[in-house]
Amino acid sequence: MILRLEGSKVVGVKQTIKAIKAGDVKIVYIAKDADDKFIQPIKLLVSEESLETVYVDSMKELGKLCGIDVGAATAAVLKD
């Protein structure tokens, strides 16, 4: 299991969408328990851009992977 996301990253739906549209994303992480109405736009962008996607069991777990004390619906690791 991954302990922490490596490299530069963005956390949250708005920041992830912004980074995908800018073409800066390498991998997208999505929490399985996130509200679908929030993550649906990201799922569409991921499929359009053919980005690697990793599903994490919970928002709490994704928050921990990002090094924050709150849950996160999405996160993205940025290109070098």
PDB file of N, CA and C in Angstrom:
ATOM      1  N   MET A   1       0.833  -1.192   0.000  1.00  0.00           N
ATOM      2  CA  MET A   1       0.000   0.000   0.000  1.00  0.00           C
ATOM      3  C   MET A   1       0.870   1.245   0.000  1.00  0.00           C
ATOM      4  N   ILE A   2       0.435   2.242  -0.703  1.00  0.00           N
ATOM      5  CA  ILE A   2       1.142   3.517  -0.777  1.00  0.00           C
ATOM      6  C   ILE A   2       0.993   4.229   0.574  1.00  0.00           C
ATOM      7  N   LEU A   3       2.078   4.792   1.059  1.00  0.00           N
ATOM      8  CA  LEU A   3       2.010   5.525   2.318  1.00  0.00           C
ATOM      9  C   LEU A   3       1.777   7.012   2.105  1.00  0.00           C
ATOM     10  N   ARG A   4       2.282   7.553   1.019  1.00  0.00           N
ATOM     11  CA  ARG A   4       2.164   8.974   0.703  1.00  0.00           C
ATOM     12  C   ARG A   4       2.289   9.142  -0.799  1.00  0.00           C
ATOM     13  N   LEU A   5       1.546  10.060  -1.354  1.00  0.00           N
ATOM     14  CA  LEU A   5       1.675  10.341  -2.780  1.00  0.00           C
ATOM     15  C   LEU A   5       3.000  11.059  -3.013  1.00  0.00           C
ATOM     16  N   GLU A   6       3.771  10.579  -3.968  1.00  0.00           N
ATOM     17  CA  GLU A   6       5.094  11.142  -4.246  1.00  0.00           C
ATOM     18  C   GLU A   6       5.009  12.269  -5.270  1.00  0.00           C
ATOM     19  N   GLY A   7       5.855  13.243  -5.122  1.00  0.00           N
ATOM     20  CA  GLY A   7       5.956  14.322  -6.095  1.00  0.00           C
ATOM     21  C   GLY A   7       4.978  15.457  -5.839  1.00  0.00           C
ATOM     22  N   SER A   8       4.963  16.390  -6.761  1.00  0.00           N
ATOM     23  CA  SER A   8       4.047  17.527  -6.659  1.00  0.00           C
ATOM     24  C   SER A   8       2.627  17.052  -6.885  1.00  0.00           C
ATOM     25  N   LYS A   9       1.693  17.615  -6.124  1.00  0.00           N
ATOM     26  CA  LYS A   9       0.304  17.168  -6.242  1.00  0.00           C
ATOM     27  C   LYS A   9      -0.647  18.306  -5.979  1.00  0.00           C
ATOM     28  N   VAL A  10      -1.885  18.098  -6.421  1.00  0.00           N
ATOM     29  CA  VAL A  10      -2.979  18.989  -6.073  1.00  0.00           C
ATOM     30  C   VAL A  10      -4.035  18.134  -5.392  1.00  0.00           C
ATOM     31  N   VAL A  11      -4.792  18.752  -4.495  1.00  0.00           N
ATOM     32  CA  VAL A  11      -5.804  18.033  -3.735  1.00  0.00           C
ATOM     33  C   VAL A  11      -7.135  18.750  -3.873  1.00  0.00           C
ATOM     34  N   GLY A  12      -8.189  17.970  -4.089  1.00  0.00           N
ATOM     35  CA  GLY A  12      -9.523  18.531  -4.182  1.00  0.00           C
ATOM     36  C   GLY A  12     -10.044  18.550  -5.611  1.00  0.00           C
ATOM     37  N   VAL A  13     -11.355  18.583  -5.720  1.00  0.00           N
ATOM     38  CA  VAL A  13     -12.021  18.502  -7.016  1.00  0.00           C
ATOM     39  C   VAL A  13     -11.646  19.684  -7.914  1.00  0.00           C
ATOM     40  N   LYS A  14     -11.787  20.900  -7.406  1.00  0.00           N
ATOM     41  CA  LYS A  14     -11.523  22.089  -8.233  1.00  0.00           C
ATOM     42  C   LYS A  14     -10.083  22.128  -8.724  1.00  0.00           C
ATOM     43  N   GLN A  15      -9.150  21.865  -7.830  1.00  0.00           N
ATOM     44  CA  GLN A  15      -7.733  21.916  -8.206  1.00  0.00           C
ATOM     45  C   GLN A  15      -7.371  20.792  -9.180  1.00  0.00           C
ATOM     46  N   THR A  16      -7.992  19.621  -8.997  1.00  0.00           N
ATOM     47  CA  THR A  16      -7.725  18.505  -9.904  1.00  0.00           C
ATOM     48  C   THR A  16      -8.237  18.823 -11.306  1.00  0.00           C
ATOM     49  N   ILE A  17      -9.445  19.360 -11.396  1.00  0.00           N
ATOM     50  CA  ILE A  17     -10.005  19.736 -12.702  1.00  0.00           C
ATOM     51  C   ILE A  17      -9.116  20.769 -13.385  1.00  0.00           C
ATOM     52  N   LYS A  18      -8.696  21.774 -12.628  1.00  0.00           N
ATOM     53  CA  LYS A  18      -7.847  22.836 -13.164  1.00  0.00           C
ATOM     54  C   LYS A  18      -6.529  22.261 -13.717  1.00  0.00           C
ATOM     55  N   ALA A  19      -5.920  21.349 -12.974  1.00  0.00           N
ATOM     56  CA  ALA A  19      -4.647  20.755 -13.388  1.00  0.00           C
ATOM     57  C   ALA A  19      -4.820  19.860 -14.621  1.00  0.00           C
ATOM     58  N   ILE A  20      -5.926  19.103 -14.686  1.00  0.00           N
ATOM     59  CA  ILE A  20      -6.179  18.249 -15.852  1.00  0.00           C
ATOM     60  C   ILE A  20      -6.348  19.122 -17.096  1.00  0.00           C
ATOM     61  N   LYS A  21      -7.142  20.176 -16.983  1.00  0.00           N
ATOM     62  CA  LYS A  21      -7.375  21.073 -18.127  1.00  0.00           C
ATOM     63  C   LYS A  21      -6.089  21.745 -18.589  1.00  0.00           C
ATOM     64  N   ALA A  22      -5.161  21.976 -17.661  1.00  0.00           N
ATOM     65  CA  ALA A  22      -3.881  22.589 -18.004  1.00  0.00           C
ATOM     66  C   ALA A  22      -2.891  21.574 -18.588  1.00  0.00           C
ATOM     67  N   GLY A  23      -3.244  20.290 -18.528  1.00  0.00           N
ATOM     68  CA  GLY A  23      -2.368  19.248 -19.066  1.00  0.00           C
ATOM     69  C   GLY A  23      -1.200  18.908 -18.171  1.00  0.00           C
ATOM     70  N   ASP A  24      -1.335  19.177 -16.863  1.00  0.00           N
ATOM     71  CA  ASP A  24      -0.229  18.994 -15.925  1.00  0.00           C
ATOM     72  C   ASP A  24      -0.277  17.684 -15.141  1.00  0.00           C
ATOM     73  N   VAL A  25      -1.268  16.822 -15.390  1.00  0.00           N
ATOM     74  CA  VAL A  25      -1.505  15.666 -14.519  1.00  0.00           C
ATOM     75  C   VAL A  25      -0.920  14.374 -15.088  1.00  0.00           C
ATOM     76  N   LYS A  26      -0.301  13.603 -14.174  1.00  0.00           N
ATOM     77  CA  LYS A  26       0.228  12.291 -14.523  1.00  0.00           C
ATOM     78  C   LYS A  26      -0.735  11.190 -14.066  1.00  0.00           C
ATOM     79  N   ILE A  27      -1.196  11.258 -12.814  1.00  0.00           N
ATOM     80  CA  ILE A  27      -2.089  10.241 -12.240  1.00  0.00           C
ATOM     81  C   ILE A  27      -3.183  10.942 -11.432  1.00  0.00           C
ATOM     82  N   VAL A  28      -4.407  10.436 -11.555  1.00  0.00           N
ATOM     83  CA  VAL A  28      -5.529  10.977 -10.789  1.00  0.00           C
ATOM     84  C   VAL A  28      -5.957   9.936  -9.751  1.00  0.00           C
ATOM     85  N   TYR A  29      -6.176  10.377  -8.521  1.00  0.00           N
ATOM     86  CA  TYR A  29      -6.665   9.526  -7.441  1.00  0.00           C
ATOM     87  C   TYR A  29      -8.084   9.951  -7.101  1.00  0.00           C
ATOM     88  N   ILE A  30      -8.978   8.970  -7.004  1.00  0.00           N
ATOM     89  CA  ILE A  30     -10.376   9.247  -6.694  1.00  0.00           C
ATOM     90  C   ILE A  30     -10.806   8.370  -5.522  1.00  0.00           C
ATOM     91  N   ALA A  31     -11.453   8.967  -4.537  1.00  0.00           N
ATOM     92  CA  ALA A  31     -11.977   8.207  -3.393  1.00  0.00           C
ATOM     93  C   ALA A  31     -13.273   7.509  -3.813  1.00  0.00           C
ATOM     94  N   LYS A  32     -13.373   6.224  -3.507  1.00  0.00           N
ATOM     95  CA  LYS A  32     -14.559   5.441  -3.881  1.00  0.00           C
ATOM     96  C   LYS A  32     -15.825   5.927  -3.188  1.00  0.00           C
ATOM     97  N   ASP A  33     -15.692   6.529  -1.999  1.00  0.00           N
ATOM     98  CA  ASP A  33     -16.874   6.964  -1.263  1.00  0.00           C
ATOM     99  C   ASP A  33     -17.223   8.437  -1.492  1.00  0.00           C
ATOM    100  N   ALA A  34     -16.551   9.077  -2.445  1.00  0.00           N
ATOM    101  CA  ALA A  34     -16.859  10.479  -2.754  1.00  0.00           C
ATOM    102  C   ALA A  34     -18.200  10.568  -3.475  1.00  0.00           C
ATOM    103  N   ASP A  35     -18.906  11.663  -3.260  1.00  0.00           N
ATOM    104  CA  ASP A  35     -20.205  11.890  -3.890  1.00  0.00           C
ATOM    105  C   ASP A  35     -20.031  11.960  -5.407  1.00  0.00           C
ATOM    106  N   ASP A  36     -20.768  11.121  -6.114  1.00  0.00           N
ATOM    107  CA  ASP A  36     -20.602  11.000  -7.561  1.00  0.00           C
ATOM    108  C   ASP A  36     -20.851  12.310  -8.307  1.00  0.00           C
ATOM    109  N   LYS A  37     -21.741  13.147  -7.802  1.00  0.00           N
ATOM    110  CA  LYS A  37     -22.022  14.399  -8.515  1.00  0.00           C
ATOM    111  C   LYS A  37     -20.803  15.326  -8.521  1.00  0.00           C
ATOM    112  N   PHE A  38     -19.917  15.176  -7.539  1.00  0.00           N
ATOM    113  CA  PHE A  38     -18.702  15.989  -7.499  1.00  0.00           C
ATOM    114  C   PHE A  38     -17.595  15.420  -8.374  1.00  0.00           C
ATOM    115  N   ILE A  39     -17.493  14.099  -8.418  1.00  0.00           N
ATOM    116  CA  ILE A  39     -16.373  13.503  -9.146  1.00  0.00           C
ATOM    117  C   ILE A  39     -16.695  13.140 -10.595  1.00  0.00           C
ATOM    118  N   GLN A  40     -17.965  13.232 -10.981  1.00  0.00           N
ATOM    119  CA  GLN A  40     -18.338  12.908 -12.361  1.00  0.00           C
ATOM    120  C   GLN A  40     -17.572  13.752 -13.388  1.00  0.00           C
ATOM    121  N   PRO A  41     -17.432  15.071 -13.192  1.00  0.00           N
ATOM    122  CA  PRO A  41     -16.664  15.859 -14.173  1.00  0.00           C
ATOM    123  C   PRO A  41     -15.210  15.389 -14.298  1.00  0.00           C
ATOM    124  N   ILE A  42     -14.635  14.942 -13.198  1.00  0.00           N
ATOM    125  CA  ILE A  42     -13.255  14.457 -13.233  1.00  0.00           C
ATOM    126  C   ILE A  42     -13.188  13.139 -13.994  1.00  0.00           C
ATOM    127  N   LYS A  43     -14.148  12.261 -13.754  1.00  0.00           N
ATOM    128  CA  LYS A  43     -14.178  10.990 -14.490  1.00  0.00           C
ATOM    129  C   LYS A  43     -14.260  11.234 -16.001  1.00  0.00           C
ATOM    130  N   LEU A  44     -15.064  12.208 -16.405  1.00  0.00           N
ATOM    131  CA  LEU A  44     -15.173  12.540 -17.832  1.00  0.00           C
ATOM    132  C   LEU A  44     -13.847  13.057 -18.388  1.00  0.00           C
ATOM    133  N   LEU A  45     -13.210  13.968 -17.664  1.00  0.00           N
ATOM    134  CA  LEU A  45     -11.922  14.505 -18.108  1.00  0.00           C
ATOM    135  C   LEU A  45     -10.853  13.422 -18.176  1.00  0.00           C
ATOM    136  N   VAL A  46     -10.850  12.529 -17.194  1.00  0.00           N
ATOM    137  CA  VAL A  46      -9.873  11.442 -17.163  1.00  0.00           C
ATOM    138  C   VAL A  46     -10.022  10.559 -18.399  1.00  0.00           C
ATOM    139  N   SER A  47     -11.272  10.234 -18.752  1.00  0.00           N
ATOM    140  CA  SER A  47     -11.478   9.381 -19.921  1.00  0.00           C
ATOM    141  C   SER A  47     -11.122  10.118 -21.216  1.00  0.00           C
ATOM    142  N   GLU A  48     -11.440  11.413 -21.298  1.00  0.00           N
ATOM    143  CA  GLU A  48     -11.089  12.203 -22.482  1.00  0.00           C
ATOM    144  C   GLU A  48      -9.576  12.314 -22.663  1.00  0.00           C
ATOM    145  N   GLU A  49      -8.862  12.463 -21.570  1.00  0.00           N
ATOM    146  CA  GLU A  49      -7.413  12.660 -21.615  1.00  0.00           C
ATOM    147  C   GLU A  49      -6.630  11.350 -21.489  1.00  0.00           C
ATOM    148  N   SER A  50      -7.313  10.229 -21.299  1.00  0.00           N
ATOM    149  CA  SER A  50      -6.691   8.906 -21.128  1.00  0.00           C
ATOM    150  C   SER A  50      -5.635   8.916 -20.020  1.00  0.00           C
ATOM    151  N   LEU A  51      -6.020   9.450 -18.873  1.00  0.00           N
ATOM    152  CA  LEU A  51      -5.104   9.528 -17.732  1.00  0.00           C
ATOM    153  C   LEU A  51      -5.208   8.279 -16.866  1.00  0.00           C
ATOM    154  N   GLU A  52      -4.099   7.925 -16.247  1.00  0.00           N
ATOM    155  CA  GLU A  52      -4.096   6.811 -15.302  1.00  0.00           C
ATOM    156  C   GLU A  52      -4.925   7.219 -14.078  1.00  0.00           C
ATOM    157  N   THR A  53      -5.795   6.314 -13.640  1.00  0.00           N
ATOM    158  CA  THR A  53      -6.664   6.591 -12.501  1.00  0.00           C
ATOM    159  C   THR A  53      -6.498   5.512 -11.449  1.00  0.00           C
ATOM    160  N   VAL A  54      -6.385   5.935 -10.198  1.00  0.00           N
ATOM    161  CA  VAL A  54      -6.281   5.008  -9.076  1.00  0.00           C
ATOM    162  C   VAL A  54      -7.439   5.305  -8.135  1.00  0.00           C
ATOM    163  N   TYR A  55      -8.194   4.265  -7.789  1.00  0.00           N
ATOM    164  CA  TYR A  55      -9.304   4.428  -6.848  1.00  0.00           C
ATOM    165  C   TYR A  55      -8.837   4.046  -5.451  1.00  0.00           C
ATOM    166  N   VAL A  56      -9.119   4.911  -4.490  1.00  0.00           N
ATOM    167  CA  VAL A  56      -8.749   4.717  -3.091  1.00  0.00           C
ATOM    168  C   VAL A  56     -10.039   4.429  -2.318  1.00  0.00           C
ATOM    169  N   ASP A  57      -9.977   3.568  -1.316  1.00  0.00           N
ATOM    170  CA  ASP A  57     -11.170   3.115  -0.603  1.00  0.00           C
ATOM    171  C   ASP A  57     -12.012   4.224   0.007  1.00  0.00           C
ATOM    172  N   SER A  58     -11.362   5.243   0.577  1.00  0.00           N
ATOM    173  CA  SER A  58     -12.156   6.269   1.253  1.00  0.00           C
ATOM    174  C   SER A  58     -11.517   7.647   1.129  1.00  0.00           C
ATOM    175  N   MET A  59     -12.345   8.663   1.345  1.00  0.00           N
ATOM    176  CA  MET A  59     -11.852  10.035   1.324  1.00  0.00           C
ATOM    177  C   MET A  59     -10.841  10.259   2.445  1.00  0.00           C
ATOM    178  N   LYS A  60     -11.096   9.649   3.583  1.00  0.00           N
ATOM    179  CA  LYS A  60     -10.180   9.777   4.720  1.00  0.00           C
ATOM    180  C   LYS A  60      -8.801   9.213   4.363  1.00  0.00           C
ATOM    181  N   GLU A  61      -8.790   8.044   3.724  1.00  0.00           N
ATOM    182  CA  GLU A  61      -7.526   7.422   3.330  1.00  0.00           C
ATOM    183  C   GLU A  61      -6.790   8.278   2.291  1.00  0.00           C
ATOM    184  N   LEU A  62      -7.529   8.837   1.332  1.00  0.00           N
ATOM    185  CA  LEU A  62      -6.898   9.688   0.318  1.00  0.00           C
ATOM    186  C   LEU A  62      -6.319  10.944   0.965  1.00  0.00           C
ATOM    187  N   GLY A  63      -7.028  11.509   1.932  1.00  0.00           N
ATOM    188  CA  GLY A  63      -6.491  12.658   2.660  1.00  0.00           C
ATOM    189  C   GLY A  63      -5.167  12.322   3.334  1.00  0.00           C
ATOM    190  N   LYS A  64      -5.104  11.155   3.965  1.00  0.00           N
ATOM    191  CA  LYS A  64      -3.859  10.728   4.618  1.00  0.00           C
ATOM    192  C   LYS A  64      -2.736  10.556   3.595  1.00  0.00           C
ATOM    193  N   LEU A  65      -3.065   9.982   2.426  1.00  0.00           N
ATOM    194  CA  LEU A  65      -2.059   9.809   1.378  1.00  0.00           C
ATOM    195  C   LEU A  65      -1.502  11.152   0.913  1.00  0.00           C
ATOM    196  N   CYS A  66      -2.344  12.173   0.985  1.00  0.00           N
ATOM    197  CA  CYS A  66      -1.934  13.517   0.569  1.00  0.00           C
ATOM    198  C   CYS A  66      -1.237  14.284   1.688  1.00  0.00           C
ATOM    199  N   GLY A  67      -1.219  13.708   2.880  1.00  0.00           N
ATOM    200  CA  GLY A  67      -0.557  14.361   4.011  1.00  0.00           C
ATOM    201  C   GLY A  67      -1.400  15.437   4.663  1.00  0.00           C
ATOM    202  N   ILE A  68      -2.735  15.312   4.552  1.00  0.00           N
ATOM    203  CA  ILE A  68      -3.615  16.284   5.201  1.00  0.00           C
ATOM    204  C   ILE A  68      -4.495  15.569   6.222  1.00  0.00           C
ATOM    205  N   ASP A  69      -5.053  16.327   7.152  1.00  0.00           N
ATOM    206  CA  ASP A  69      -5.833  15.744   8.245  1.00  0.00           C
ATOM    207  C   ASP A  69      -7.329  15.651   7.967  1.00  0.00           C
ATOM    208  N   VAL A  70      -7.740  15.983   6.756  1.00  0.00           N
ATOM    209  CA  VAL A  70      -9.151  15.887   6.376  1.00  0.00           C
ATOM    210  C   VAL A  70      -9.269  14.992   5.151  1.00  0.00           C
ATOM    211  N   GLY A  71     -10.490  14.570   4.856  1.00  0.00           N
ATOM    212  CA  GLY A  71     -10.704  13.725   3.694  1.00  0.00           C
ATOM    213  C   GLY A  71     -10.572  14.503   2.398  1.00  0.00           C
ATOM    214  N   ALA A  72     -10.313  13.774   1.321  1.00  0.00           N
ATOM    215  CA  ALA A  72     -10.215  14.377  -0.008  1.00  0.00           C
ATOM    216  C   ALA A  72     -10.947  13.490  -1.004  1.00  0.00           C
ATOM    217  N   ALA A  73     -11.782  14.097  -1.848  1.00  0.00           N
ATOM    218  CA  ALA A  73     -12.507  13.328  -2.863  1.00  0.00           C
ATOM    219  C   ALA A  73     -11.572  12.937  -4.008  1.00  0.00           C
ATOM    220  N   THR A  74     -10.703  13.868  -4.399  1.00  0.00           N
ATOM    221  CA  THR A  74      -9.760  13.601  -5.492  1.00  0.00           C
ATOM    222  C   THR A  74      -8.421  14.247  -5.202  1.00  0.00           C
ATOM    223  N   ALA A  75      -7.426  13.730  -5.892  1.00  0.00           N
ATOM    224  CA  ALA A  75      -6.091  14.315  -5.856  1.00  0.00           C
ATOM    225  C   ALA A  75      -5.409  13.945  -7.177  1.00  0.00           C
ATOM    226  N   ALA A  76      -4.393  14.674  -7.530  1.00  0.00           N
ATOM    227  CA  ALA A  76      -3.664  14.377  -8.757  1.00  0.00           C
ATOM    228  C   ALA A  76      -2.171  14.613  -8.544  1.00  0.00           C
ATOM    229  N   VAL A  77      -1.370  13.680  -9.074  1.00  0.00           N
ATOM    230  CA  VAL A  77       0.074  13.851  -9.064  1.00  0.00           C
ATOM    231  C   VAL A  77       0.434  14.542 -10.372  1.00  0.00           C
ATOM    232  N   LEU A  78       1.206  15.602 -10.257  1.00  0.00           N
ATOM    233  CA  LEU A  78       1.557  16.416 -11.426  1.00  0.00           C
ATOM    234  C   LEU A  78       2.785  15.873 -12.142  1.00  0.00           C
ATOM    235  N   LYS A  79       2.856  16.180 -13.436  1.00  0.00           N
ATOM    236  CA  LYS A  79       4.030  15.803 -14.231  1.00  0.00           C
ATOM    237  C   LYS A  79       5.238  16.538 -13.697  1.00  0.00           C
ATOM    238  N   ASP A  80       6.407  15.928 -13.874  1.00  0.00           N
ATOM    239  CA  ASP A  80       7.657  16.544 -13.399  1.00  0.00           C
ATOM    240  C   ASP A  80       7.988  17.815 -14.135  1.00  0.00           C
TER     241      ASP A  80
END
